[in-house]
Amino acid sequence: MEQSKEQPVALAARQGETTAGLDVRLRGVVCRHGRLEAVQGVDLDVAPGDRIALTGTNGSGKTTLLRAVLGLHRQVGGELLVGGRGTRTAAEWAWRRRACAWIPQRPAAGRFPLLARELLASSGAPAEAGDAAERLGVGALADRPLSALSGGQLQRMHLARAVGCVAAGAGVLLADEPTAALDFAGQEEAAELLTGLPVTLLVVTHDRALASRCDRVLEMAAGRLREIA
Protein backbone atom coordinates (compact mmCIF):
# COMPACT_ATOMS: atom_id res chain seq x y z
CA MET A 1 0.00 0.00 0.00
CA GLU A 2 1.32 3.45 -0.90
CA GLN A 3 2.23 5.52 2.15
CA SER A 4 0.81 8.99 2.69
CA LYS A 5 3.09 11.97 2.17
CA GLU A 6 1.97 13.31 5.54
CA GLN A 7 3.35 10.31 7.42
CA PRO A 8 6.76 11.77 8.39
CA VAL A 9 5.07 14.88 9.78
CA ALA A 10 2.67 12.79 11.85
CA LEU A 11 5.52 10.61 13.10
CA ALA A 12 7.53 13.67 14.07
CA ALA A 13 4.57 15.06 15.95
CA ARG A 14 4.21 11.86 17.95
CA GLN A 15 7.89 11.34 18.71
CA GLY A 16 9.56 14.74 19.02
CA GLU A 17 9.61 16.63 22.29
CA THR A 18 9.61 19.97 20.43
CA THR A 19 6.95 19.25 17.84
CA ALA A 20 5.62 22.84 17.60
CA GLY A 21 9.11 24.17 17.03
CA LEU A 22 11.38 26.34 19.16
CA ASP A 23 11.68 30.10 19.32
CA VAL A 24 14.82 31.77 18.00
CA ARG A 25 15.95 35.14 19.40
CA LEU A 26 18.79 37.29 18.07
CA ARG A 27 19.85 40.58 19.65
CA GLY A 28 22.70 42.62 18.20
CA VAL A 29 24.26 39.54 16.59
CA VAL A 30 27.60 40.17 14.90
CA CYS A 31 29.50 37.43 13.05
CA ARG A 32 33.10 37.88 11.97
CA HIS A 33 35.46 36.16 9.60
CA GLY A 34 38.68 37.42 11.09
CA ARG A 35 38.36 41.22 11.00
CA LEU A 36 35.54 41.15 8.45
CA GLU A 37 32.02 41.58 9.86
CA ALA A 38 29.85 39.29 7.74
CA VAL A 39 26.76 39.88 9.91
CA GLN A 40 26.26 43.30 11.50
CA GLY A 41 23.97 43.90 14.46
CA VAL A 42 21.09 41.62 13.50
CA ASP A 43 17.94 41.59 15.64
CA LEU A 44 15.34 38.91 14.95
CA ASP A 45 12.51 37.18 16.81
CA VAL A 46 11.18 33.93 15.36
CA ALA A 47 8.19 32.37 17.10
CA PRO A 48 7.86 28.58 17.47
CA GLY A 49 6.64 27.08 14.20
CA ASP A 50 7.33 30.18 12.08
CA ARG A 51 8.71 29.65 8.59
CA ILE A 52 11.27 32.31 7.63
CA ALA A 53 12.89 32.69 4.20
CA LEU A 54 16.22 34.52 4.02
CA THR A 55 17.01 36.02 0.62
CA GLY A 56 19.78 38.24 -0.71
CA THR A 57 22.84 38.23 -2.92
CA ASN A 58 25.77 35.88 -2.50
CA GLY A 59 28.13 37.06 0.22
CA SER A 60 25.48 39.06 2.09
CA GLY A 61 25.84 36.99 5.28
CA LYS A 62 22.90 34.57 5.00
CA THR A 63 24.84 31.34 5.37
CA THR A 64 27.02 32.77 8.13
CA LEU A 65 23.89 33.73 10.07
CA LEU A 66 22.44 30.21 9.76
CA ARG A 67 25.72 28.65 10.85
CA ALA A 68 25.75 30.98 13.86
CA VAL A 69 22.27 29.83 14.89
CA LEU A 70 23.39 26.22 14.52
CA GLY A 71 26.52 26.91 16.56
CA LEU A 72 29.02 26.17 13.78
CA HIS A 73 30.27 29.75 13.49
CA ARG A 74 32.15 30.66 16.64
CA GLN A 75 33.15 34.31 16.06
CA VAL A 76 29.77 35.58 17.23
CA GLY A 77 28.87 38.57 19.38
CA GLY A 78 25.52 39.61 20.80
CA GLU A 79 22.75 37.36 22.09
CA LEU A 80 21.64 34.29 20.14
CA LEU A 81 19.17 31.98 21.84
CA VAL A 82 17.30 28.89 20.63
CA GLY A 83 14.51 27.73 22.88
CA GLY A 84 15.74 30.27 25.43
CA ARG A 85 19.18 28.63 25.63
CA GLY A 86 22.60 29.84 24.59
CA THR A 87 25.79 27.84 24.08
CA ARG A 88 27.82 28.97 27.07
CA THR A 89 28.27 25.49 28.54
CA ALA A 90 29.09 22.11 27.05
CA ALA A 91 25.60 20.88 27.96
CA GLU A 92 23.95 23.83 26.17
CA TRP A 93 26.18 23.28 23.15
CA ALA A 94 25.23 19.58 22.97
CA TRP A 95 21.54 20.46 23.33
CA ARG A 96 21.77 23.01 20.47
CA ARG A 97 23.19 20.36 18.14
CA ARG A 98 20.24 18.06 18.91
CA ALA A 99 17.63 20.81 18.75
CA CYS A 100 18.65 22.11 15.31
CA ALA A 101 18.51 20.07 12.11
CA TRP A 102 20.78 21.23 9.28
CA ILE A 103 20.67 20.99 5.48
CA PRO A 104 23.93 22.40 4.07
CA GLN A 105 24.12 24.27 0.77
CA ARG A 106 26.72 21.97 -0.73
CA PRO A 107 26.35 18.60 0.98
CA ALA A 108 29.72 16.91 1.25
CA ALA A 109 30.13 13.27 0.31
CA GLY A 110 33.05 13.01 2.74
CA ARG A 111 36.47 11.44 2.39
CA PHE A 112 35.37 8.10 3.73
CA PRO A 113 32.92 5.77 1.95
CA LEU A 114 29.88 6.80 3.99
CA LEU A 115 26.76 5.07 2.74
CA ALA A 116 23.50 6.93 2.19
CA ARG A 117 21.90 4.60 4.73
CA GLU A 118 24.43 5.73 7.34
CA LEU A 119 23.65 9.38 6.61
CA LEU A 120 19.95 8.71 7.18
CA ALA A 121 20.68 6.79 10.38
CA SER A 122 22.65 9.75 11.75
CA SER A 123 19.34 11.66 11.98
CA GLY A 124 18.41 9.69 15.08
CA ALA A 125 15.23 8.31 13.46
CA PRO A 126 16.40 6.08 10.58
CA ALA A 127 12.97 4.57 9.87
CA GLU A 128 11.34 7.95 9.34
CA ALA A 129 14.32 9.22 7.34
CA GLY A 130 14.18 6.08 5.21
CA ASP A 131 10.45 6.56 4.56
CA ALA A 132 11.13 10.13 3.45
CA ALA A 133 13.92 8.94 1.15
CA GLU A 134 11.47 6.53 -0.48
CA ARG A 135 8.97 9.31 -1.10
CA LEU A 136 11.70 11.55 -2.48
CA GLY A 137 12.67 8.85 -4.95
CA VAL A 138 16.09 7.95 -3.51
CA GLY A 139 15.19 5.09 -1.19
CA ALA A 140 16.65 2.53 -3.57
CA LEU A 141 20.03 4.29 -3.32
CA ALA A 142 20.43 3.73 0.41
CA ASP A 143 23.30 1.24 0.04
CA ARG A 144 25.32 3.47 -2.28
CA PRO A 145 28.26 5.59 -1.09
CA LEU A 146 27.39 9.27 -0.91
CA SER A 147 30.23 9.92 -3.36
CA ALA A 148 28.34 7.90 -6.00
CA LEU A 149 25.22 10.09 -5.83
CA SER A 150 24.47 13.02 -8.11
CA GLY A 151 24.02 16.50 -6.65
CA GLY A 152 20.24 16.20 -6.75
CA GLN A 153 20.25 12.72 -5.20
CA LEU A 154 22.55 13.87 -2.41
CA GLN A 155 20.32 16.85 -1.72
CA ARG A 156 17.27 14.59 -1.50
CA MET A 157 19.13 12.38 0.98
CA HIS A 158 19.83 15.39 3.17
CA LEU A 159 16.17 16.41 2.96
CA ALA A 160 15.21 12.91 4.09
CA ARG A 161 17.74 13.09 6.91
CA ALA A 162 16.15 16.37 8.05
CA VAL A 163 12.78 14.60 8.31
CA GLY A 164 14.47 12.04 10.53
CA CYS A 165 16.00 14.76 12.71
CA VAL A 166 12.55 16.29 13.23
CA ALA A 167 11.13 12.89 14.09
CA ALA A 168 13.95 12.50 16.62
CA GLY A 169 13.01 15.78 18.32
CA ALA A 170 14.71 18.68 16.52
CA GLY A 171 12.66 21.86 16.96
CA VAL A 172 14.44 24.08 14.43
CA LEU A 173 15.35 23.28 10.82
CA LEU A 174 18.07 25.39 9.22
CA ALA A 175 18.31 24.89 5.46
CA ASP A 176 20.77 26.55 3.10
CA GLU A 177 19.54 26.53 -0.54
CA PRO A 178 17.86 23.12 -0.08
CA THR A 179 16.31 23.09 -3.58
CA ALA A 180 19.27 24.44 -5.59
CA ALA A 181 20.28 21.10 -7.16
CA LEU A 182 16.73 19.95 -7.94
CA ASP A 183 14.62 20.22 -11.06
CA PHE A 184 11.33 22.13 -11.03
CA ALA A 185 9.24 19.16 -9.90
CA GLY A 186 11.79 18.32 -7.22
CA GLN A 187 11.79 21.91 -5.99
CA GLU A 188 8.02 21.86 -5.56
CA GLU A 189 8.17 18.55 -3.71
CA ALA A 190 10.97 19.73 -1.44
CA ALA A 191 9.19 23.03 -0.71
CA GLU A 192 6.03 21.16 0.29
CA LEU A 193 8.00 18.83 2.54
CA LEU A 194 10.04 21.56 4.24
CA THR A 195 7.12 23.88 4.96
CA GLY A 196 4.93 21.01 6.17
CA LEU A 197 7.22 19.85 8.98
CA PRO A 198 6.20 20.78 12.56
CA VAL A 199 9.30 22.85 13.28
CA THR A 200 10.59 26.40 13.17
CA LEU A 201 12.10 26.82 9.71
CA LEU A 202 14.85 29.24 8.69
CA VAL A 203 15.72 28.71 5.05
CA VAL A 204 18.19 30.54 2.82
CA THR A 205 16.79 30.42 -0.69
CA HIS A 206 16.66 32.02 -4.11
CA ASP A 207 13.66 29.79 -4.92
CA ARG A 208 10.66 32.11 -5.13
CA ALA A 209 8.19 29.23 -4.87
CA LEU A 210 9.75 28.09 -1.59
CA ALA A 211 9.92 31.65 -0.25
CA SER A 212 6.23 32.17 -1.09
CA ARG A 213 5.30 29.23 1.16
CA CYS A 214 7.00 30.85 4.15
CA ASP A 215 5.32 33.12 6.69
CA ARG A 216 7.91 35.89 6.37
CA VAL A 217 10.58 36.81 3.82
CA LEU A 218 13.68 38.65 5.03
CA GLU A 219 16.47 40.09 2.91
CA MET A 220 20.13 40.34 3.87
CA ALA A 221 22.37 42.96 2.31
CA ALA A 222 25.92 43.69 3.44
CA GLY A 223 25.35 41.77 6.67
CA ARG A 224 22.14 43.57 7.64
CA LEU A 225 18.62 42.20 7.74
CA ARG A 226 15.29 43.72 6.72
CA GLU A 227 11.80 42.30 6.31
CA ILE A 228 10.32 42.54 2.80
CA ALA A 229 7.20 40.34 3.07
C-alpha atoms as a PDB file:
ATOM      1  CA  MET A   1       0.000   0.000   0.000  1.00  0.00           C
ATOM      2  CA  GLU A   2       1.317   3.445  -0.899  1.00  0.00           C
ATOM      3  CA  GLN A   3       2.228   5.517   2.154  1.00  0.00           C
ATOM      4  CA  SER A   4       0.806   8.987   2.695  1.00  0.00           C
ATOM      5  CA  LYS A   5       3.088  11.970   2.168  1.00  0.00           C
ATOM      6  CA  GLU A   6       1.966  13.306   5.539  1.00  0.00           C
ATOM      7  CA  GLN A   7       3.350  10.310   7.418  1.00  0.00           C
ATOM      8  CA  PRO A   8       6.765  11.772   8.391  1.00  0.00           C
ATOM      9  CA  VAL A   9       5.073  14.883   9.782  1.00  0.00           C
ATOM     10  CA  ALA A  10       2.670  12.788  11.852  1.00  0.00           C
ATOM     11  CA  LEU A  11       5.523  10.611  13.104  1.00  0.00           C
ATOM     12  CA  ALA A  12       7.531  13.673  14.069  1.00  0.00           C
ATOM     13  CA  ALA A  13       4.570  15.063  15.955  1.00  0.00           C
ATOM     14  CA  ARG A  14       4.213  11.860  17.949  1.00  0.00           C
ATOM     15  CA  GLN A  15       7.893  11.336  18.707  1.00  0.00           C
ATOM     16  CA  GLY A  16       9.563  14.744  19.015  1.00  0.00           C
ATOM     17  CA  GLU A  17       9.609  16.630  22.289  1.00  0.00           C
ATOM     18  CA  THR A  18       9.610  19.969  20.432  1.00  0.00           C
ATOM     19  CA  THR A  19       6.947  19.253  17.843  1.00  0.00           C
ATOM     20  CA  ALA A  20       5.625  22.839  17.600  1.00  0.00           C
ATOM     21  CA  GLY A  21       9.114  24.175  17.034  1.00  0.00           C
ATOM     22  CA  LEU A  22      11.376  26.340  19.158  1.00  0.00           C
ATOM     23  CA  ASP A  23      11.678  30.102  19.319  1.00  0.00           C
ATOM     24  CA  VAL A  24      14.820  31.773  18.002  1.00  0.00           C
ATOM     25  CA  ARG A  25      15.949  35.136  19.400  1.00  0.00           C
ATOM     26  CA  LEU A  26      18.790  37.294  18.072  1.00  0.00           C
ATOM     27  CA  ARG A  27      19.848  40.581  19.647  1.00  0.00           C
ATOM     28  CA  GLY A  28      22.705  42.620  18.198  1.00  0.00           C
ATOM     29  CA  VAL A  29      24.258  39.540  16.588  1.00  0.00           C
ATOM     30  CA  VAL A  30      27.602  40.172  14.905  1.00  0.00           C
ATOM     31  CA  CYS A  31      29.497  37.435  13.045  1.00  0.00           C
ATOM     32  CA  ARG A  32      33.099  37.876  11.968  1.00  0.00           C
ATOM     33  CA  HIS A  33      35.461  36.163   9.599  1.00  0.00           C
ATOM     34  CA  GLY A  34      38.678  37.417  11.094  1.00  0.00           C
ATOM     35  CA  ARG A  35      38.359  41.215  11.002  1.00  0.00           C
ATOM     36  CA  LEU A  36      35.542  41.154   8.453  1.00  0.00           C
ATOM     37  CA  GLU A  37      32.015  41.578   9.858  1.00  0.00           C
ATOM     38  CA  ALA A  38      29.846  39.285   7.740  1.00  0.00           C
ATOM     39  CA  VAL A  39      26.757  39.883   9.912  1.00  0.00           C
ATOM     40  CA  GLN A  40      26.259  43.296  11.497  1.00  0.00           C
ATOM     41  CA  GLY A  41      23.967  43.903  14.464  1.00  0.00           C
ATOM     42  CA  VAL A  42      21.086  41.615  13.503  1.00  0.00           C
ATOM     43  CA  ASP A  43      17.939  41.586  15.642  1.00  0.00           C
ATOM     44  CA  LEU A  44      15.341  38.908  14.954  1.00  0.00           C
ATOM     45  CA  ASP A  45      12.510  37.179  16.810  1.00  0.00           C
ATOM     46  CA  VAL A  46      11.178  33.931  15.357  1.00  0.00           C
ATOM     47  CA  ALA A  47       8.192  32.371  17.101  1.00  0.00           C
ATOM     48  CA  PRO A  48       7.857  28.579  17.466  1.00  0.00           C
ATOM     49  CA  GLY A  49       6.635  27.083  14.204  1.00  0.00           C
ATOM     50  CA  ASP A  50       7.331  30.176  12.077  1.00  0.00           C
ATOM     51  CA  ARG A  51       8.715  29.648   8.590  1.00  0.00           C
ATOM     52  CA  ILE A  52      11.265  32.309   7.628  1.00  0.00           C
ATOM     53  CA  ALA A  53      12.887  32.690   4.203  1.00  0.00           C
ATOM     54  CA  LEU A  54      16.218  34.515   4.019  1.00  0.00           C
ATOM     55  CA  THR A  55      17.012  36.019   0.619  1.00  0.00           C
ATOM     56  CA  GLY A  56      19.784  38.239  -0.710  1.00  0.00           C
ATOM     57  CA  THR A  57      22.844  38.231  -2.917  1.00  0.00           C
ATOM     58  CA  ASN A  58      25.772  35.882  -2.497  1.00  0.00           C
ATOM     59  CA  GLY A  59      28.129  37.064   0.223  1.00  0.00           C
ATOM     60  CA  SER A  60      25.479  39.056   2.086  1.00  0.00           C
ATOM     61  CA  GLY A  61      25.844  36.986   5.281  1.00  0.00           C
ATOM     62  CA  LYS A  62      22.899  34.570   5.000  1.00  0.00           C
ATOM     63  CA  THR A  63      24.840  31.337   5.366  1.00  0.00           C
ATOM     64  CA  THR A  64      27.017  32.765   8.133  1.00  0.00           C
ATOM     65  CA  LEU A  65      23.894  33.729  10.075  1.00  0.00           C
ATOM     66  CA  LEU A  66      22.437  30.208   9.759  1.00  0.00           C
ATOM     67  CA  ARG A  67      25.715  28.655  10.850  1.00  0.00           C
ATOM     68  CA  ALA A  68      25.753  30.979  13.858  1.00  0.00           C
ATOM     69  CA  VAL A  69      22.268  29.829  14.887  1.00  0.00           C
ATOM     70  CA  LEU A  70      23.391  26.224  14.520  1.00  0.00           C
ATOM     71  CA  GLY A  71      26.519  26.907  16.556  1.00  0.00           C
ATOM     72  CA  LEU A  72      29.017  26.168  13.781  1.00  0.00           C
ATOM     73  CA  HIS A  73      30.266  29.750  13.495  1.00  0.00           C
ATOM     74  CA  ARG A  74      32.147  30.658  16.637  1.00  0.00           C
ATOM     75  CA  GLN A  75      33.153  34.313  16.063  1.00  0.00           C
ATOM     76  CA  VAL A  76      29.773  35.579  17.234  1.00  0.00           C
ATOM     77  CA  GLY A  77      28.871  38.566  19.376  1.00  0.00           C
ATOM     78  CA  GLY A  78      25.517  39.607  20.801  1.00  0.00           C
ATOM     79  CA  GLU A  79      22.746  37.362  22.090  1.00  0.00           C
ATOM     80  CA  LEU A  80      21.643  34.290  20.140  1.00  0.00           C
ATOM     81  CA  LEU A  81      19.168  31.977  21.843  1.00  0.00           C
ATOM     82  CA  VAL A  82      17.303  28.894  20.626  1.00  0.00           C
ATOM     83  CA  GLY A  83      14.506  27.733  22.883  1.00  0.00           C
ATOM     84  CA  GLY A  84      15.737  30.275  25.426  1.00  0.00           C
ATOM     85  CA  ARG A  85      19.177  28.630  25.625  1.00  0.00           C
ATOM     86  CA  GLY A  86      22.598  29.843  24.595  1.00  0.00           C
ATOM     87  CA  THR A  87      25.785  27.837  24.083  1.00  0.00           C
ATOM     88  CA  ARG A  88      27.819  28.973  27.066  1.00  0.00           C
ATOM     89  CA  THR A  89      28.275  25.493  28.545  1.00  0.00           C
ATOM     90  CA  ALA A  90      29.087  22.114  27.052  1.00  0.00           C
ATOM     91  CA  ALA A  91      25.603  20.883  27.959  1.00  0.00           C
ATOM     92  CA  GLU A  92      23.950  23.826  26.171  1.00  0.00           C
ATOM     93  CA  TRP A  93      26.178  23.276  23.150  1.00  0.00           C
ATOM     94  CA  ALA A  94      25.229  19.582  22.973  1.00  0.00           C
ATOM     95  CA  TRP A  95      21.541  20.459  23.331  1.00  0.00           C
ATOM     96  CA  ARG A  96      21.769  23.014  20.468  1.00  0.00           C
ATOM     97  CA  ARG A  97      23.186  20.362  18.144  1.00  0.00           C
ATOM     98  CA  ARG A  98      20.242  18.063  18.910  1.00  0.00           C
ATOM     99  CA  ALA A  99      17.633  20.814  18.751  1.00  0.00           C
ATOM    100  CA  CYS A 100      18.651  22.105  15.315  1.00  0.00           C
ATOM    101  CA  ALA A 101      18.507  20.074  12.112  1.00  0.00           C
ATOM    102  CA  TRP A 102      20.775  21.233   9.275  1.00  0.00           C
ATOM    103  CA  ILE A 103      20.667  20.990   5.483  1.00  0.00           C
ATOM    104  CA  PRO A 104      23.932  22.397   4.071  1.00  0.00           C
ATOM    105  CA  GLN A 105      24.116  24.269   0.774  1.00  0.00           C
ATOM    106  CA  ARG A 106      26.725  21.966  -0.733  1.00  0.00           C
ATOM    107  CA  PRO A 107      26.355  18.603   0.979  1.00  0.00           C
ATOM    108  CA  ALA A 108      29.723  16.909   1.254  1.00  0.00           C
ATOM    109  CA  ALA A 109      30.134  13.267   0.314  1.00  0.00           C
ATOM    110  CA  GLY A 110      33.049  13.006   2.745  1.00  0.00           C
ATOM    111  CA  ARG A 111      36.474  11.444   2.388  1.00  0.00           C
ATOM    112  CA  PHE A 112      35.370   8.104   3.735  1.00  0.00           C
ATOM    113  CA  PRO A 113      32.923   5.766   1.951  1.00  0.00           C
ATOM    114  CA  LEU A 114      29.881   6.798   3.991  1.00  0.00           C
ATOM    115  CA  LEU A 115      26.758   5.065   2.745  1.00  0.00           C
ATOM    116  CA  ALA A 116      23.499   6.930   2.190  1.00  0.00           C
ATOM    117  CA  ARG A 117      21.901   4.598   4.725  1.00  0.00           C
ATOM    118  CA  GLU A 118      24.432   5.731   7.335  1.00  0.00           C
ATOM    119  CA  LEU A 119      23.654   9.382   6.610  1.00  0.00           C
ATOM    120  CA  LEU A 120      19.945   8.709   7.177  1.00  0.00           C
ATOM    121  CA  ALA A 121      20.680   6.791  10.379  1.00  0.00           C
ATOM    122  CA  SER A 122      22.652   9.747  11.751  1.00  0.00           C
ATOM    123  CA  SER A 123      19.344  11.659  11.978  1.00  0.00           C
ATOM    124  CA  GLY A 124      18.406   9.686  15.082  1.00  0.00           C
ATOM    125  CA  ALA A 125      15.234   8.307  13.464  1.00  0.00           C
ATOM    126  CA  PRO A 126      16.396   6.083  10.582  1.00  0.00           C
ATOM    127  CA  ALA A 127      12.971   4.570   9.875  1.00  0.00           C
ATOM    128  CA  GLU A 128      11.343   7.954   9.338  1.00  0.00           C
ATOM    129  CA  ALA A 129      14.317   9.222   7.342  1.00  0.00           C
ATOM    130  CA  GLY A 130      14.176   6.080   5.207  1.00  0.00           C
ATOM    131  CA  ASP A 131      10.455   6.564   4.565  1.00  0.00           C
ATOM    132  CA  ALA A 132      11.134  10.134   3.454  1.00  0.00           C
ATOM    133  CA  ALA A 133      13.925   8.942   1.152  1.00  0.00           C
ATOM    134  CA  GLU A 134      11.475   6.526  -0.483  1.00  0.00           C
ATOM    135  CA  ARG A 135       8.971   9.313  -1.104  1.00  0.00           C
ATOM    136  CA  LEU A 136      11.698  11.553  -2.480  1.00  0.00           C
ATOM    137  CA  GLY A 137      12.670   8.853  -4.955  1.00  0.00           C
ATOM    138  CA  VAL A 138      16.087   7.951  -3.515  1.00  0.00           C
ATOM    139  CA  GLY A 139      15.185   5.088  -1.189  1.00  0.00           C
ATOM    140  CA  ALA A 140      16.647   2.528  -3.566  1.00  0.00           C
ATOM    141  CA  LEU A 141      20.035   4.286  -3.319  1.00  0.00           C
ATOM    142  CA  ALA A 142      20.435   3.733   0.410  1.00  0.00           C
ATOM    143  CA  ASP A 143      23.300   1.245   0.038  1.00  0.00           C
ATOM    144  CA  ARG A 144      25.325   3.471  -2.284  1.00  0.00           C
ATOM    145  CA  PRO A 145      28.265   5.592  -1.094  1.00  0.00           C
ATOM    146  CA  LEU A 146      27.393   9.266  -0.914  1.00  0.00           C
ATOM    147  CA  SER A 147      30.233   9.922  -3.360  1.00  0.00           C
ATOM    148  CA  ALA A 148      28.341   7.900  -5.996  1.00  0.00           C
ATOM    149  CA  LEU A 149      25.219  10.095  -5.825  1.00  0.00           C
ATOM    150  CA  SER A 150      24.472  13.024  -8.108  1.00  0.00           C
ATOM    151  CA  GLY A 151      24.015  16.499  -6.646  1.00  0.00           C
ATOM    152  CA  GLY A 152      20.236  16.198  -6.746  1.00  0.00           C
ATOM    153  CA  GLN A 153      20.248  12.725  -5.199  1.00  0.00           C
ATOM    154  CA  LEU A 154      22.549  13.865  -2.408  1.00  0.00           C
ATOM    155  CA  GLN A 155      20.317  16.855  -1.720  1.00  0.00           C
ATOM    156  CA  ARG A 156      17.269  14.590  -1.501  1.00  0.00           C
ATOM    157  CA  MET A 157      19.127  12.376   0.978  1.00  0.00           C
ATOM    158  CA  HIS A 158      19.827  15.389   3.175  1.00  0.00           C
ATOM    159  CA  LEU A 159      16.174  16.407   2.956  1.00  0.00           C
ATOM    160  CA  ALA A 160      15.212  12.911   4.091  1.00  0.00           C
ATOM    161  CA  ARG A 161      17.744  13.093   6.907  1.00  0.00           C
ATOM    162  CA  ALA A 162      16.148  16.369   8.051  1.00  0.00           C
ATOM    163  CA  VAL A 163      12.779  14.597   8.306  1.00  0.00           C
ATOM    164  CA  GLY A 164      14.466  12.035  10.533  1.00  0.00           C
ATOM    165  CA  CYS A 165      15.998  14.759  12.709  1.00  0.00           C
ATOM    166  CA  VAL A 166      12.555  16.286  13.230  1.00  0.00           C
ATOM    167  CA  ALA A 167      11.130  12.886  14.093  1.00  0.00           C
ATOM    168  CA  ALA A 168      13.952  12.499  16.615  1.00  0.00           C
ATOM    169  CA  GLY A 169      13.010  15.784  18.316  1.00  0.00           C
ATOM    170  CA  ALA A 170      14.707  18.684  16.517  1.00  0.00           C
ATOM    171  CA  GLY A 171      12.661  21.858  16.960  1.00  0.00           C
ATOM    172  CA  VAL A 172      14.443  24.082  14.426  1.00  0.00           C
ATOM    173  CA  LEU A 173      15.348  23.285  10.816  1.00  0.00           C
ATOM    174  CA  LEU A 174      18.074  25.395   9.219  1.00  0.00           C
ATOM    175  CA  ALA A 175      18.306  24.886   5.461  1.00  0.00           C
ATOM    176  CA  ASP A 176      20.768  26.548   3.097  1.00  0.00           C
ATOM    177  CA  GLU A 177      19.536  26.532  -0.535  1.00  0.00           C
ATOM    178  CA  PRO A 178      17.865  23.116  -0.077  1.00  0.00           C
ATOM    179  CA  THR A 179      16.307  23.094  -3.577  1.00  0.00           C
ATOM    180  CA  ALA A 180      19.265  24.438  -5.591  1.00  0.00           C
ATOM    181  CA  ALA A 181      20.279  21.103  -7.164  1.00  0.00           C
ATOM    182  CA  LEU A 182      16.726  19.951  -7.938  1.00  0.00           C
ATOM    183  CA  ASP A 183      14.624  20.223 -11.064  1.00  0.00           C
ATOM    184  CA  PHE A 184      11.331  22.127 -11.034  1.00  0.00           C
ATOM    185  CA  ALA A 185       9.241  19.164  -9.898  1.00  0.00           C
ATOM    186  CA  GLY A 186      11.794  18.325  -7.219  1.00  0.00           C
ATOM    187  CA  GLN A 187      11.793  21.911  -5.990  1.00  0.00           C
ATOM    188  CA  GLU A 188       8.021  21.856  -5.565  1.00  0.00           C
ATOM    189  CA  GLU A 189       8.169  18.549  -3.709  1.00  0.00           C
ATOM    190  CA  ALA A 190      10.969  19.734  -1.439  1.00  0.00           C
ATOM    191  CA  ALA A 191       9.190  23.028  -0.706  1.00  0.00           C
ATOM    192  CA  GLU A 192       6.032  21.163   0.289  1.00  0.00           C
ATOM    193  CA  LEU A 193       8.000  18.829   2.538  1.00  0.00           C
ATOM    194  CA  LEU A 194      10.036  21.563   4.240  1.00  0.00           C
ATOM    195  CA  THR A 195       7.123  23.884   4.964  1.00  0.00           C
ATOM    196  CA  GLY A 196       4.935  21.009   6.168  1.00  0.00           C
ATOM    197  CA  LEU A 197       7.216  19.854   8.978  1.00  0.00           C
ATOM    198  CA  PRO A 198       6.198  20.784  12.555  1.00  0.00           C
ATOM    199  CA  VAL A 199       9.303  22.852  13.282  1.00  0.00           C
ATOM    200  CA  THR A 200      10.586  26.398  13.175  1.00  0.00           C
ATOM    201  CA  LEU A 201      12.098  26.822   9.705  1.00  0.00           C
ATOM    202  CA  LEU A 202      14.849  29.241   8.686  1.00  0.00           C
ATOM    203  CA  VAL A 203      15.721  28.709   5.048  1.00  0.00           C
ATOM    204  CA  VAL A 204      18.190  30.535   2.825  1.00  0.00           C
ATOM    205  CA  THR A 205      16.786  30.417  -0.685  1.00  0.00           C
ATOM    206  CA  HIS A 206      16.661  32.022  -4.108  1.00  0.00           C
ATOM    207  CA  ASP A 207      13.664  29.793  -4.915  1.00  0.00           C
ATOM    208  CA  ARG A 208      10.657  32.106  -5.127  1.00  0.00           C
ATOM    209  CA  ALA A 209       8.188  29.228  -4.872  1.00  0.00           C
ATOM    210  CA  LEU A 210       9.751  28.092  -1.590  1.00  0.00           C
ATOM    211  CA  ALA A 211       9.916  31.650  -0.252  1.00  0.00           C
ATOM    212  CA  SER A 212       6.228  32.172  -1.091  1.00  0.00           C
ATOM    213  CA  ARG A 213       5.300  29.230   1.156  1.00  0.00           C
ATOM    214  CA  CYS A 214       7.002  30.848   4.154  1.00  0.00           C
ATOM    215  CA  ASP A 215       5.319  33.121   6.694  1.00  0.00           C
ATOM    216  CA  ARG A 216       7.910  35.886   6.366  1.00  0.00           C
ATOM    217  CA  VAL A 217      10.576  36.807   3.820  1.00  0.00           C
ATOM    218  CA  LEU A 218      13.677  38.655   5.031  1.00  0.00           C
ATOM    219  CA  GLU A 219      16.471  40.090   2.909  1.00  0.00           C
ATOM    220  CA  MET A 220      20.128  40.344   3.875  1.00  0.00           C
ATOM    221  CA  ALA A 221      22.367  42.960   2.309  1.00  0.00           C
ATOM    222  CA  ALA A 222      25.922  43.688   3.444  1.00  0.00           C
ATOM    223  CA  GLY A 223      25.345  41.770   6.673  1.00  0.00           C
ATOM    224  CA  ARG A 224      22.141  43.573   7.638  1.00  0.00           C
ATOM    225  CA  LEU A 225      18.622  42.204   7.737  1.00  0.00           C
ATOM    226  CA  ARG A 226      15.287  43.724   6.720  1.00  0.00           C
ATOM    227  CA  GLU A 227      11.803  42.297   6.305  1.00  0.00           C
ATOM    228  CA  ILE A 228      10.324  42.545   2.803  1.00  0.00           C
ATOM    229  CA  ALA A 229       7.197  40.342   3.072  1.00  0.00           C
END
